[in-house]
Amino acid sequence: MTRAGGRVVKPASLAAWGGYSGYFADPDGHLWEVAHNPGFPIDVHGNTRLG
């Protein structure tokens, strides 16, 4: 991502909710969050169900 002109804003780290998250800015300056929750339920088809 950095080789393509983006930059890391906040490296991935352990979040208060038990997962991981980090932020980067794309080459146009737009901010993006990447998050992973290891406890998030995913079914055999790759779908998630909220609520």
Protein backbone atom coordinates (compact mmCIF):
# COMPACT_ATOMS: atom_id res chain seq x y z
CA MET A 1 0.00 0.00 0.00
CA THR A 2 2.78 2.46 0.84
CA ARG A 3 4.60 1.60 -2.40
CA ALA A 4 1.44 2.66 -4.27
CA GLY A 5 1.41 6.08 -2.58
CA GLY A 6 -0.70 5.43 0.51
CA ARG A 7 0.44 5.87 4.08
CA VAL A 8 -0.17 4.13 7.38
CA VAL A 9 -2.03 6.48 9.74
CA LYS A 10 -2.35 4.11 12.71
CA PRO A 11 -0.73 0.67 12.59
CA ALA A 12 -2.96 -2.29 13.42
CA SER A 13 -3.24 -2.89 17.14
CA LEU A 14 -5.39 -4.72 19.66
CA ALA A 15 -8.72 -2.90 20.10
CA ALA A 16 -10.76 -2.57 23.30
CA TRP A 17 -13.45 -4.86 21.82
CA GLY A 18 -11.02 -7.79 21.45
CA GLY A 19 -10.17 -7.52 17.77
CA TYR A 20 -7.60 -5.57 15.81
CA SER A 21 -7.90 -2.37 13.82
CA GLY A 22 -5.70 0.10 11.99
CA TYR A 23 -6.03 3.04 9.62
CA PHE A 24 -4.42 4.06 6.37
CA ALA A 25 -4.82 6.89 3.87
CA ASP A 26 -5.03 6.05 0.17
CA PRO A 27 -3.05 8.07 -2.41
CA ASP A 28 -5.92 10.61 -2.60
CA GLY A 29 -5.85 11.13 1.18
CA HIS A 30 -9.07 9.23 1.98
CA LEU A 31 -8.92 7.44 5.32
CA TRP A 32 -9.75 3.73 5.59
CA GLU A 33 -10.10 1.46 8.59
CA VAL A 34 -9.17 -2.21 8.41
CA ALA A 35 -10.57 -4.29 11.26
CA HIS A 36 -10.62 -7.95 12.26
CA ASN A 37 -12.78 -9.47 14.97
CA PRO A 38 -11.75 -13.08 15.65
CA GLY A 39 -15.03 -13.67 17.53
CA PHE A 40 -17.30 -12.50 14.69
CA PRO A 41 -19.57 -15.36 13.56
CA ILE A 42 -19.13 -16.40 9.92
CA ASP A 43 -21.16 -19.30 8.48
CA VAL A 44 -19.96 -21.98 6.07
CA HIS A 45 -20.92 -19.73 3.11
CA GLY A 46 -18.81 -16.82 4.38
CA ASN A 47 -21.84 -14.78 5.47
CA THR A 48 -22.19 -12.86 8.71
CA ARG A 49 -25.33 -12.38 10.71
CA LEU A 50 -25.91 -9.32 12.87
CA GLY A 51 -28.56 -9.23 15.57
